[in-house]
Amino acid sequence: MPDSTLCQEPKQPKLLDQVRQYLRLHHYSIHTERSYMEGNVAPATQNQAMNALVFLYKRVLRQAMEGSINAVRADKKVNVPASNPPRASQNHPVADILLDFAGNIC
C-alpha cells in the first residue's frame, strides 16, 4: 500500500508563523515581534496594534490596502506635571522661590 503522505502538498505555515518568519528574516526588533505576536490591544498600545495589522496585510500577506482606515483611536495620554503645593502668591512664583532661597541663607 503506497504511503499517502508522500503525495500531499506541503502545508503553508500558519499565519502567525508567517508573521514571525517575516519579522526575523527582515531583522525586526524582538520587541516589535513580541508586541505584534502577543496581541496586546490595550488603549495605550492601540496604535501599535493598528501598525501590526497594516504590517500583516502589506508585508506578510502582500495585499494592498486601498483607501484609508477609519478606526477609532485611543486618546493620547496627557502628562500633567507634578506641581508644588500652592503658595501664598500665585501671581509671583519666581518671587516665592527667591524668598525661599533668602530664608535658607540667613
PDB file of N, CA and C in Angstrom:
ATOM      1  N   MET A   1       0.850  -1.179   0.000  1.00  0.00           N
ATOM      2  CA  MET A   1       0.000   0.000   0.000  1.00  0.00           C
ATOM      3  C   MET A   1       0.894   1.239   0.000  1.00  0.00           C
ATOM      4  N   PRO A   2       0.703   2.135  -0.977  1.00  0.00           N
ATOM      5  CA  PRO A   2       1.555   3.334  -1.070  1.00  0.00           C
ATOM      6  C   PRO A   2       1.275   4.290   0.086  1.00  0.00           C
ATOM      7  N   ASP A   3       2.332   4.998   0.449  1.00  0.00           N
ATOM      8  CA  ASP A   3       2.230   5.984   1.548  1.00  0.00           C
ATOM      9  C   ASP A   3       1.565   7.249   1.014  1.00  0.00           C
ATOM     10  N   SER A   4       0.401   7.612   1.570  1.00  0.00           N
ATOM     11  CA  SER A   4      -0.359   8.753   1.065  1.00  0.00           C
ATOM     12  C   SER A   4       0.264  10.086   1.459  1.00  0.00           C
ATOM     13  N   THR A   5       1.150  10.087   2.446  1.00  0.00           N
ATOM     14  CA  THR A   5       1.765  11.347   2.871  1.00  0.00           C
ATOM     15  C   THR A   5       2.752  11.865   1.848  1.00  0.00           C
ATOM     16  N   LEU A   6       3.277  11.014   1.016  1.00  0.00           N
ATOM     17  CA  LEU A   6       4.233  11.462   0.010  1.00  0.00           C
ATOM     18  C   LEU A   6       3.566  12.246  -1.112  1.00  0.00           C
ATOM     19  N   CYS A   7       2.302  12.023  -1.342  1.00  0.00           N
ATOM     20  CA  CYS A   7       1.582  12.679  -2.429  1.00  0.00           C
ATOM     21  C   CYS A   7       0.973  14.016  -2.018  1.00  0.00           C
ATOM     22  N   GLN A   8       0.931  14.305  -0.728  1.00  0.00           N
ATOM     23  CA  GLN A   8       0.305  15.544  -0.266  1.00  0.00           C
ATOM     24  C   GLN A   8       1.246  16.723  -0.456  1.00  0.00           C
ATOM     25  N   GLU A   9       0.657  17.846  -0.821  1.00  0.00           N
ATOM     26  CA  GLU A   9       1.453  19.062  -0.944  1.00  0.00           C
ATOM     27  C   GLU A   9       1.800  19.578   0.441  1.00  0.00           C
ATOM     28  N   PRO A  10       2.952  20.221   0.574  1.00  0.00           N
ATOM     29  CA  PRO A  10       3.309  20.757   1.893  1.00  0.00           C
ATOM     30  C   PRO A  10       2.332  21.852   2.302  1.00  0.00           C
ATOM     31  N   LYS A  11       1.983  21.840   3.583  1.00  0.00           N
ATOM     32  CA  LYS A  11       1.051  22.844   4.094  1.00  0.00           C
ATOM     33  C   LYS A  11       1.753  24.184   4.231  1.00  0.00           C
ATOM     34  N   GLN A  12       0.990  25.228   3.957  1.00  0.00           N
ATOM     35  CA  GLN A  12       1.518  26.579   4.151  1.00  0.00           C
ATOM     36  C   GLN A  12       1.564  26.855   5.655  1.00  0.00           C
ATOM     37  N   PRO A  13       2.615  27.532   6.138  1.00  0.00           N
ATOM     38  CA  PRO A  13       2.704  27.805   7.571  1.00  0.00           C
ATOM     39  C   PRO A  13       1.507  28.624   8.060  1.00  0.00           C
ATOM     40  N   LYS A  14       1.207  28.474   9.343  1.00  0.00           N
ATOM     41  CA  LYS A  14       0.125  29.243   9.941  1.00  0.00           C
ATOM     42  C   LYS A  14       0.441  30.724   9.835  1.00  0.00           C
ATOM     43  N   LEU A  15      -0.607  31.534   9.891  1.00  0.00           N
ATOM     44  CA  LEU A  15      -0.465  32.979   9.703  1.00  0.00           C
ATOM     45  C   LEU A  15       0.536  33.591  10.674  1.00  0.00           C
ATOM     46  N   LEU A  16       0.417  33.273  11.958  1.00  0.00           N
ATOM     47  CA  LEU A  16       1.342  33.855  12.933  1.00  0.00           C
ATOM     48  C   LEU A  16       2.767  33.375  12.710  1.00  0.00           C
ATOM     49  N   ASP A  17       2.927  32.158  12.231  1.00  0.00           N
ATOM     50  CA  ASP A  17       4.271  31.674  11.892  1.00  0.00           C
ATOM     51  C   ASP A  17       4.836  32.446  10.704  1.00  0.00           C
ATOM     52  N   GLN A  18       3.981  32.808   9.752  1.00  0.00           N
ATOM     53  CA  GLN A  18       4.419  33.612   8.608  1.00  0.00           C
ATOM     54  C   GLN A  18       4.879  34.996   9.069  1.00  0.00           C
ATOM     55  N   VAL A  19       4.114  35.582   9.993  1.00  0.00           N
ATOM     56  CA  VAL A  19       4.478  36.908  10.522  1.00  0.00           C
ATOM     57  C   VAL A  19       5.827  36.830  11.214  1.00  0.00           C
ATOM     58  N   ARG A  20       5.982  35.855  12.094  1.00  0.00           N
ATOM     59  CA  ARG A  20       7.243  35.700  12.829  1.00  0.00           C
ATOM     60  C   ARG A  20       8.411  35.476  11.863  1.00  0.00           C
ATOM     61  N   GLN A  21       8.193  34.660  10.847  1.00  0.00           N
ATOM     62  CA  GLN A  21       9.235  34.379   9.859  1.00  0.00           C
ATOM     63  C   GLN A  21       9.647  35.656   9.120  1.00  0.00           C
ATOM     64  N   TYR A  22       8.676  36.454   8.729  1.00  0.00           N
ATOM     65  CA  TYR A  22       8.976  37.699   8.019  1.00  0.00           C
ATOM     66  C   TYR A  22       9.753  38.659   8.911  1.00  0.00           C
ATOM     67  N   LEU A  23       9.296  38.796  10.159  1.00  0.00           N
ATOM     68  CA  LEU A  23       9.964  39.704  11.096  1.00  0.00           C
ATOM     69  C   LEU A  23      11.418  39.318  11.293  1.00  0.00           C
ATOM     70  N   ARG A  24      11.669  38.040  11.446  1.00  0.00           N
ATOM     71  CA  ARG A  24      13.044  37.583  11.679  1.00  0.00           C
ATOM     72  C   ARG A  24      13.890  37.688  10.417  1.00  0.00           C
ATOM     73  N   LEU A  25      13.301  37.375   9.292  1.00  0.00           N
ATOM     74  CA  LEU A  25      14.028  37.460   8.023  1.00  0.00           C
ATOM     75  C   LEU A  25      14.501  38.890   7.754  1.00  0.00           C
ATOM     76  N   HIS A  26      13.668  39.863   8.139  1.00  0.00           N
ATOM     77  CA  HIS A  26      13.986  41.270   7.876  1.00  0.00           C
ATOM     78  C   HIS A  26      14.566  41.978   9.095  1.00  0.00           C
ATOM     79  N   HIS A  27      15.004  41.207  10.082  1.00  0.00           N
ATOM     80  CA  HIS A  27      15.741  41.725  11.249  1.00  0.00           C
ATOM     81  C   HIS A  27      14.978  42.770  12.049  1.00  0.00           C
ATOM     82  N   TYR A  28      13.689  42.551  12.243  1.00  0.00           N
ATOM     83  CA  TYR A  28      12.919  43.438  13.113  1.00  0.00           C
ATOM     84  C   TYR A  28      13.319  43.183  14.559  1.00  0.00           C
ATOM     85  N   SER A  29      13.126  44.167  15.386  1.00  0.00           N
ATOM     86  CA  SER A  29      13.451  44.061  16.802  1.00  0.00           C
ATOM     87  C   SER A  29      12.616  42.960  17.464  1.00  0.00           C
ATOM     88  N   ILE A  30      13.218  42.296  18.466  1.00  0.00           N
ATOM     89  CA  ILE A  30      12.482  41.276  19.218  1.00  0.00           C
ATOM     90  C   ILE A  30      11.302  41.913  19.937  1.00  0.00           C
ATOM     91  N   HIS A  31      11.438  43.186  20.313  1.00  0.00           N
ATOM     92  CA  HIS A  31      10.340  43.895  20.976  1.00  0.00           C
ATOM     93  C   HIS A  31       9.171  44.101  20.007  1.00  0.00           C
ATOM     94  N   THR A  32       9.486  44.395  18.752  1.00  0.00           N
ATOM     95  CA  THR A  32       8.446  44.536  17.735  1.00  0.00           C
ATOM     96  C   THR A  32       7.750  43.199  17.537  1.00  0.00           C
ATOM     97  N   GLU A  33       8.536  42.133  17.454  1.00  0.00           N
ATOM     98  CA  GLU A  33       7.950  40.801  17.283  1.00  0.00           C
ATOM     99  C   GLU A  33       7.016  40.464  18.442  1.00  0.00           C
ATOM    100  N   ARG A  34       7.454  40.717  19.654  1.00  0.00           N
ATOM    101  CA  ARG A  34       6.615  40.404  20.813  1.00  0.00           C
ATOM    102  C   ARG A  34       5.325  41.214  20.798  1.00  0.00           C
ATOM    103  N   SER A  35       5.437  42.500  20.501  1.00  0.00           N
ATOM    104  CA  SER A  35       4.226  43.320  20.530  1.00  0.00           C
ATOM    105  C   SER A  35       3.265  42.933  19.405  1.00  0.00           C
ATOM    106  N   TYR A  36       3.788  42.519  18.254  1.00  0.00           N
ATOM    107  CA  TYR A  36       2.926  42.091  17.162  1.00  0.00           C
ATOM    108  C   TYR A  36       2.311  40.719  17.442  1.00  0.00           C
ATOM    109  N   MET A  37       3.047  39.849  18.096  1.00  0.00           N
ATOM    110  CA  MET A  37       2.611  38.465  18.268  1.00  0.00           C
ATOM    111  C   MET A  37       1.734  38.249  19.498  1.00  0.00           C
ATOM    112  N   GLU A  38       1.899  39.055  20.532  1.00  0.00           N
ATOM    113  CA  GLU A  38       1.171  38.811  21.769  1.00  0.00           C
ATOM    114  C   GLU A  38      -0.233  39.403  21.778  1.00  0.00           C
ATOM    115  N   GLY A  39      -0.570  40.176  20.777  1.00  0.00           N
ATOM    116  CA  GLY A  39      -1.939  40.666  20.640  1.00  0.00           C
ATOM    117  C   GLY A  39      -2.372  41.650  21.716  1.00  0.00           C
ATOM    118  N   ASN A  40      -1.479  42.478  22.176  1.00  0.00           N
ATOM    119  CA  ASN A  40      -1.816  43.466  23.219  1.00  0.00           C
ATOM    120  C   ASN A  40      -2.537  44.641  22.573  1.00  0.00           C
ATOM    121  N   VAL A  41      -3.823  44.764  22.818  1.00  0.00           N
ATOM    122  CA  VAL A  41      -4.608  45.825  22.207  1.00  0.00           C
ATOM    123  C   VAL A  41      -5.204  46.760  23.257  1.00  0.00           C
ATOM    124  N   ALA A  42      -4.523  46.912  24.380  1.00  0.00           N
ATOM    125  CA  ALA A  42      -4.959  47.858  25.400  1.00  0.00           C
ATOM    126  C   ALA A  42      -4.936  49.264  24.804  1.00  0.00           C
ATOM    127  N   PRO A  43      -5.688  50.188  25.377  1.00  0.00           N
ATOM    128  CA  PRO A  43      -5.728  51.540  24.808  1.00  0.00           C
ATOM    129  C   PRO A  43      -4.347  52.172  24.633  1.00  0.00           C
ATOM    130  N   ALA A  44      -3.440  51.903  25.537  1.00  0.00           N
ATOM    131  CA  ALA A  44      -2.101  52.504  25.433  1.00  0.00           C
ATOM    132  C   ALA A  44      -1.330  51.979  24.233  1.00  0.00           C
ATOM    133  N   THR A  45      -1.682  50.810  23.729  1.00  0.00           N
ATOM    134  CA  THR A  45      -0.954  50.227  22.599  1.00  0.00           C
ATOM    135  C   THR A  45      -1.830  50.046  21.362  1.00  0.00           C
ATOM    136  N   GLN A  46      -2.905  50.790  21.287  1.00  0.00           N
ATOM    137  CA  GLN A  46      -3.825  50.640  20.157  1.00  0.00           C
ATOM    138  C   GLN A  46      -3.138  50.984  18.840  1.00  0.00           C
ATOM    139  N   ASN A  47      -2.337  52.022  18.822  1.00  0.00           N
ATOM    140  CA  ASN A  47      -1.633  52.378  17.589  1.00  0.00           C
ATOM    141  C   ASN A  47      -0.670  51.270  17.186  1.00  0.00           C
ATOM    142  N   GLN A  48      -0.049  50.630  18.169  1.00  0.00           N
ATOM    143  CA  GLN A  48       0.859  49.521  17.875  1.00  0.00           C
ATOM    144  C   GLN A  48       0.091  48.368  17.243  1.00  0.00           C
ATOM    145  N   ALA A  49      -1.094  48.094  17.753  1.00  0.00           N
ATOM    146  CA  ALA A  49      -1.916  47.033  17.186  1.00  0.00           C
ATOM    147  C   ALA A  49      -2.329  47.371  15.752  1.00  0.00           C
ATOM    148  N   MET A  50      -2.671  48.629  15.518  1.00  0.00           N
ATOM    149  CA  MET A  50      -3.036  49.050  14.167  1.00  0.00           C
ATOM    150  C   MET A  50      -1.847  48.895  13.220  1.00  0.00           C
ATOM    151  N   ASN A  51      -0.664  49.275  13.689  1.00  0.00           N
ATOM    152  CA  ASN A  51       0.540  49.108  12.871  1.00  0.00           C
ATOM    153  C   ASN A  51       0.798  47.636  12.565  1.00  0.00           C
ATOM    154  N   ALA A  52       0.513  46.768  13.521  1.00  0.00           N
ATOM    155  CA  ALA A  52       0.706  45.338  13.308  1.00  0.00           C
ATOM    156  C   ALA A  52      -0.233  44.820  12.226  1.00  0.00           C
ATOM    157  N   LEU A  53      -1.473  45.304  12.222  1.00  0.00           N
ATOM    158  CA  LEU A  53      -2.420  44.869  11.192  1.00  0.00           C
ATOM    159  C   LEU A  53      -2.027  45.369   9.805  1.00  0.00           C
ATOM    160  N   VAL A  54      -1.611  46.616   9.738  1.00  0.00           N
ATOM    161  CA  VAL A  54      -1.156  47.161   8.452  1.00  0.00           C
ATOM    162  C   VAL A  54       0.052  46.376   7.957  1.00  0.00           C
ATOM    163  N   PHE A  55       0.986  46.085   8.875  1.00  0.00           N
ATOM    164  CA  PHE A  55       2.166  45.292   8.551  1.00  0.00           C
ATOM    165  C   PHE A  55       1.748  43.926   8.007  1.00  0.00           C
ATOM    166  N   LEU A  56       0.808  43.281   8.680  1.00  0.00           N
ATOM    167  CA  LEU A  56       0.350  41.957   8.271  1.00  0.00           C
ATOM    168  C   LEU A  56      -0.142  41.965   6.832  1.00  0.00           C
ATOM    169  N   TYR A  57      -1.007  42.920   6.512  1.00  0.00           N
ATOM    170  CA  TYR A  57      -1.570  42.947   5.169  1.00  0.00           C
ATOM    171  C   TYR A  57      -0.553  43.352   4.115  1.00  0.00           C
ATOM    172  N   LYS A  58       0.242  44.379   4.396  1.00  0.00           N
ATOM    173  CA  LYS A  58       1.176  44.873   3.379  1.00  0.00           C
ATOM    174  C   LYS A  58       2.378  43.967   3.189  1.00  0.00           C
ATOM    175  N   ARG A  59       2.970  43.499   4.286  1.00  0.00           N
ATOM    176  CA  ARG A  59       4.239  42.785   4.185  1.00  0.00           C
ATOM    177  C   ARG A  59       4.093  41.267   4.126  1.00  0.00           C
ATOM    178  N   VAL A  60       3.285  40.714   5.012  1.00  0.00           N
ATOM    179  CA  VAL A  60       3.203  39.259   5.102  1.00  0.00           C
ATOM    180  C   VAL A  60       2.240  38.702   4.051  1.00  0.00           C
ATOM    181  N   LEU A  61       1.029  39.242   4.004  1.00  0.00           N
ATOM    182  CA  LEU A  61       0.035  38.747   3.054  1.00  0.00           C
ATOM    183  C   LEU A  61       0.178  39.370   1.674  1.00  0.00           C
ATOM    184  N   ARG A  62       0.940  40.455   1.601  1.00  0.00           N
ATOM    185  CA  ARG A  62       1.189  41.181   0.349  1.00  0.00           C
ATOM    186  C   ARG A  62      -0.107  41.577  -0.339  1.00  0.00           C
ATOM    187  N   GLN A  63      -1.014  42.135   0.448  1.00  0.00           N
ATOM    188  CA  GLN A  63      -2.285  42.626  -0.083  1.00  0.00           C
ATOM    189  C   GLN A  63      -2.323  44.137   0.097  1.00  0.00           C
ATOM    190  N   ALA A  64      -2.565  44.826  -0.987  1.00  0.00           N
ATOM    191  CA  ALA A  64      -2.637  46.277  -0.922  1.00  0.00           C
ATOM    192  C   ALA A  64      -3.859  46.697  -0.114  1.00  0.00           C
ATOM    193  N   MET A  65      -3.674  47.701   0.706  1.00  0.00           N
ATOM    194  CA  MET A  65      -4.789  48.240   1.492  1.00  0.00           C
ATOM    195  C   MET A  65      -5.253  49.511   0.808  1.00  0.00           C
ATOM    196  N   GLU A  66      -6.407  49.430   0.197  1.00  0.00           N
ATOM    197  CA  GLU A  66      -6.913  50.569  -0.547  1.00  0.00           C
ATOM    198  C   GLU A  66      -7.729  51.473   0.367  1.00  0.00           C
ATOM    199  N   GLY A  67      -7.622  52.757   0.152  1.00  0.00           N
ATOM    200  CA  GLY A  67      -8.373  53.717   0.959  1.00  0.00           C
ATOM    201  C   GLY A  67      -7.744  53.911   2.325  1.00  0.00           C
ATOM    202  N   SER A  68      -8.457  54.635   3.161  1.00  0.00           N
ATOM    203  CA  SER A  68      -7.931  54.904   4.494  1.00  0.00           C
ATOM    204  C   SER A  68      -8.614  54.006   5.517  1.00  0.00           C
ATOM    205  N   ILE A  69      -7.961  53.860   6.648  1.00  0.00           N
ATOM    206  CA  ILE A  69      -8.507  53.052   7.736  1.00  0.00           C
ATOM    207  C   ILE A  69      -9.187  54.008   8.702  1.00  0.00           C
ATOM    208  N   ASN A  70     -10.477  53.866   8.853  1.00  0.00           N
ATOM    209  CA  ASN A  70     -11.234  54.752   9.739  1.00  0.00           C
ATOM    210  C   ASN A  70     -11.493  54.049  11.063  1.00  0.00           C
ATOM    211  N   ALA A  71     -10.435  53.815  11.811  1.00  0.00           N
ATOM    212  CA  ALA A  71     -10.555  53.131  13.095  1.00  0.00           C
ATOM    213  C   ALA A  71     -10.623  54.159  14.218  1.00  0.00           C
ATOM    214  N   VAL A  72     -11.322  53.792  15.275  1.00  0.00           N
ATOM    215  CA  VAL A  72     -11.367  54.650  16.458  1.00  0.00           C
ATOM    216  C   VAL A  72     -10.042  54.478  17.186  1.00  0.00           C
ATOM    217  N   ARG A  73      -9.372  55.570  17.438  1.00  0.00           N
ATOM    218  CA  ARG A  73      -8.075  55.525  18.103  1.00  0.00           C
ATOM    219  C   ARG A  73      -8.218  55.955  19.549  1.00  0.00           C
ATOM    220  N   ALA A  74      -7.348  55.416  20.378  1.00  0.00           N
ATOM    221  CA  ALA A  74      -7.332  55.802  21.790  1.00  0.00           C
ATOM    222  C   ALA A  74      -6.786  57.225  21.909  1.00  0.00           C
ATOM    223  N   ASP A  75      -7.297  57.957  22.882  1.00  0.00           N
ATOM    224  CA  ASP A  75      -6.794  59.302  23.125  1.00  0.00           C
ATOM    225  C   ASP A  75      -5.370  59.224  23.647  1.00  0.00           C
ATOM    226  N   LYS A  76      -4.557  60.194  23.247  1.00  0.00           N
ATOM    227  CA  LYS A  76      -3.194  60.239  23.750  1.00  0.00           C
ATOM    228  C   LYS A  76      -3.200  60.576  25.231  1.00  0.00           C
ATOM    229  N   LYS A  77      -2.291  59.954  25.947  1.00  0.00           N
ATOM    230  CA  LYS A  77      -2.179  60.204  27.375  1.00  0.00           C
ATOM    231  C   LYS A  77      -1.634  61.608  27.588  1.00  0.00           C
ATOM    232  N   VAL A  78      -2.302  62.365  28.454  1.00  0.00           N
ATOM    233  CA  VAL A  78      -1.852  63.715  28.762  1.00  0.00           C
ATOM    234  C   VAL A  78      -1.050  63.647  30.056  1.00  0.00           C
ATOM    235  N   ASN A  79       0.216  64.011  29.966  1.00  0.00           N
ATOM    236  CA  ASN A  79       1.066  64.015  31.150  1.00  0.00           C
ATOM    237  C   ASN A  79       0.946  65.361  31.843  1.00  0.00           C
ATOM    238  N   VAL A  80       0.418  65.330  33.029  1.00  0.00           N
ATOM    239  CA  VAL A  80       0.283  66.548  33.820  1.00  0.00           C
ATOM    240  C   VAL A  80       1.462  66.583  34.778  1.00  0.00           C
ATOM    241  N   PRO A  81       2.275  67.624  34.705  1.00  0.00           N
ATOM    242  CA  PRO A  81       3.444  67.652  35.576  1.00  0.00           C
ATOM    243  C   PRO A  81       3.036  67.763  37.046  1.00  0.00           C
ATOM    244  N   ALA A  82       3.812  67.107  37.864  1.00  0.00           N
ATOM    245  CA  ALA A  82       3.568  67.218  39.304  1.00  0.00           C
ATOM    246  C   ALA A  82       3.890  68.649  39.715  1.00  0.00           C
ATOM    247  N   SER A  83       3.090  69.187  40.590  1.00  0.00           N
ATOM    248  CA  SER A  83       3.311  70.575  40.984  1.00  0.00           C
ATOM    249  C   SER A  83       3.571  70.653  42.475  1.00  0.00           C
ATOM    250  N   ASN A  84       4.184  71.741  42.855  1.00  0.00           N
ATOM    251  CA  ASN A  84       4.423  72.006  44.272  1.00  0.00           C
ATOM    252  C   ASN A  84       3.120  72.450  44.913  1.00  0.00           C
ATOM    253  N   PRO A  85       3.014  72.362  46.231  1.00  0.00           N
ATOM    254  CA  PRO A  85       1.798  72.848  46.889  1.00  0.00           C
ATOM    255  C   PRO A  85       1.593  74.332  46.584  1.00  0.00           C
ATOM    256  N   PRO A  86       0.358  74.792  46.551  1.00  0.00           N
ATOM    257  CA  PRO A  86       0.113  76.196  46.225  1.00  0.00           C
ATOM    258  C   PRO A  86       0.788  77.132  47.218  1.00  0.00           C
ATOM    259  N   ARG A  87       1.291  78.215  46.682  1.00  0.00           N
ATOM    260  CA  ARG A  87       1.954  79.217  47.521  1.00  0.00           C
ATOM    261  C   ARG A  87       0.999  80.375  47.775  1.00  0.00           C
ATOM    262  N   ALA A  88       1.413  81.219  48.659  1.00  0.00           N
ATOM    263  CA  ALA A  88       0.566  82.353  49.038  1.00  0.00           C
ATOM    264  C   ALA A  88       0.354  83.294  47.868  1.00  0.00           C
ATOM    265  N   SER A  89       1.375  83.508  47.071  1.00  0.00           N
ATOM    266  CA  SER A  89       1.242  84.458  45.962  1.00  0.00           C
ATOM    267  C   SER A  89       1.368  83.721  44.637  1.00  0.00           C
ATOM    268  N   GLN A  90       0.272  83.263  44.090  1.00  0.00           N
ATOM    269  CA  GLN A  90       0.266  82.520  42.835  1.00  0.00           C
ATOM    270  C   GLN A  90       0.697  83.385  41.659  1.00  0.00           C
ATOM    271  N   ASN A  91       0.585  84.698  41.803  1.00  0.00           N
ATOM    272  CA  ASN A  91       0.931  85.590  40.700  1.00  0.00           C
ATOM    273  C   ASN A  91       2.435  85.802  40.563  1.00  0.00           C
ATOM    274  N   HIS A  92       3.224  85.439  41.576  1.00  0.00           N
ATOM    275  CA  HIS A  92       4.660  85.694  41.550  1.00  0.00           C
ATOM    276  C   HIS A  92       5.447  84.473  42.011  1.00  0.00           C
ATOM    277  N   PRO A  93       5.415  83.378  41.228  1.00  0.00           N
ATOM    278  CA  PRO A  93       6.113  82.174  41.672  1.00  0.00           C
ATOM    279  C   PRO A  93       7.626  82.356  41.761  1.00  0.00           C
ATOM    280  N   VAL A  94       8.224  83.184  40.908  1.00  0.00           N
ATOM    281  CA  VAL A  94       9.670  83.414  40.968  1.00  0.00           C
ATOM    282  C   VAL A  94      10.032  84.123  42.268  1.00  0.00           C
ATOM    283  N   ALA A  95       9.204  85.075  42.659  1.00  0.00           N
ATOM    284  CA  ALA A  95       9.459  85.782  43.916  1.00  0.00           C
ATOM    285  C   ALA A  95       9.397  84.812  45.086  1.00  0.00           C
ATOM    286  N   ASP A  96       8.462  83.870  45.057  1.00  0.00           N
ATOM    287  CA  ASP A  96       8.362  82.872  46.122  1.00  0.00           C
ATOM    288  C   ASP A  96       9.639  82.035  46.207  1.00  0.00           C
ATOM    289  N   ILE A  97      10.175  81.647  45.060  1.00  0.00           N
ATOM    290  CA  ILE A  97      11.403  80.846  45.052  1.00  0.00           C
ATOM    291  C   ILE A  97      12.558  81.649  45.628  1.00  0.00           C
ATOM    292  N   LEU A  98      12.658  82.905  45.223  1.00  0.00           N
ATOM    293  CA  LEU A  98      13.732  83.750  45.740  1.00  0.00           C
ATOM    294  C   LEU A  98      13.611  83.940  47.244  1.00  0.00           C
ATOM    295  N   LEU A  99      12.375  84.085  47.728  1.00  0.00           N
ATOM    296  CA  LEU A  99      12.164  84.219  49.165  1.00  0.00           C
ATOM    297  C   LEU A  99      12.573  82.928  49.889  1.00  0.00           C
ATOM    298  N   ASP A 100      12.326  81.790  49.279  1.00  0.00           N
ATOM    299  CA  ASP A 100      12.761  80.527  49.878  1.00  0.00           C
ATOM    300  C   ASP A 100      14.278  80.485  49.995  1.00  0.00           C
ATOM    301  N   PHE A 101      14.971  80.897  48.921  1.00  0.00           N
ATOM    302  CA  PHE A 101      16.437  80.927  48.978  1.00  0.00           C
ATOM    303  C   PHE A 101      16.924  81.894  50.054  1.00  0.00           C
ATOM    304  N   ALA A 102      16.302  83.049  50.121  1.00  0.00           N
ATOM    305  CA  ALA A 102      16.711  84.049  51.112  1.00  0.00           C
ATOM    306  C   ALA A 102      16.516  83.506  52.519  1.00  0.00           C
ATOM    307  N   GLY A 103      15.432  82.764  52.747  1.00  0.00           N
ATOM    308  CA  GLY A 103      15.179  82.183  54.065  1.00  0.00           C
ATOM    309  C   GLY A 103      16.212  81.130  54.429  1.00  0.00           C
ATOM    310  N   ASN A 104      16.735  80.418  53.439  1.00  0.00           N
ATOM    311  CA  ASN A 104      17.736  79.387  53.704  1.00  0.00           C
ATOM    312  C   ASN A 104      19.141  79.934  53.913  1.00  0.00           C
ATOM    313  N   ILE A 105      19.389  81.108  53.383  1.00  0.00           N
ATOM    314  CA  ILE A 105      20.716  81.707  53.518  1.00  0.00           C
ATOM    315  C   ILE A 105      20.912  82.301  54.888  1.00  0.00           C
ATOM    316  N   CYS A 106      19.901  82.992  55.417  1.00  0.00           N
ATOM    317  CA  CYS A 106      20.028  83.696  56.683  1.00  0.00           C
ATOM    318  C   CYS A 106      20.034  82.768  57.872  1.00  0.00           C
TER     319      CYS A 106
END
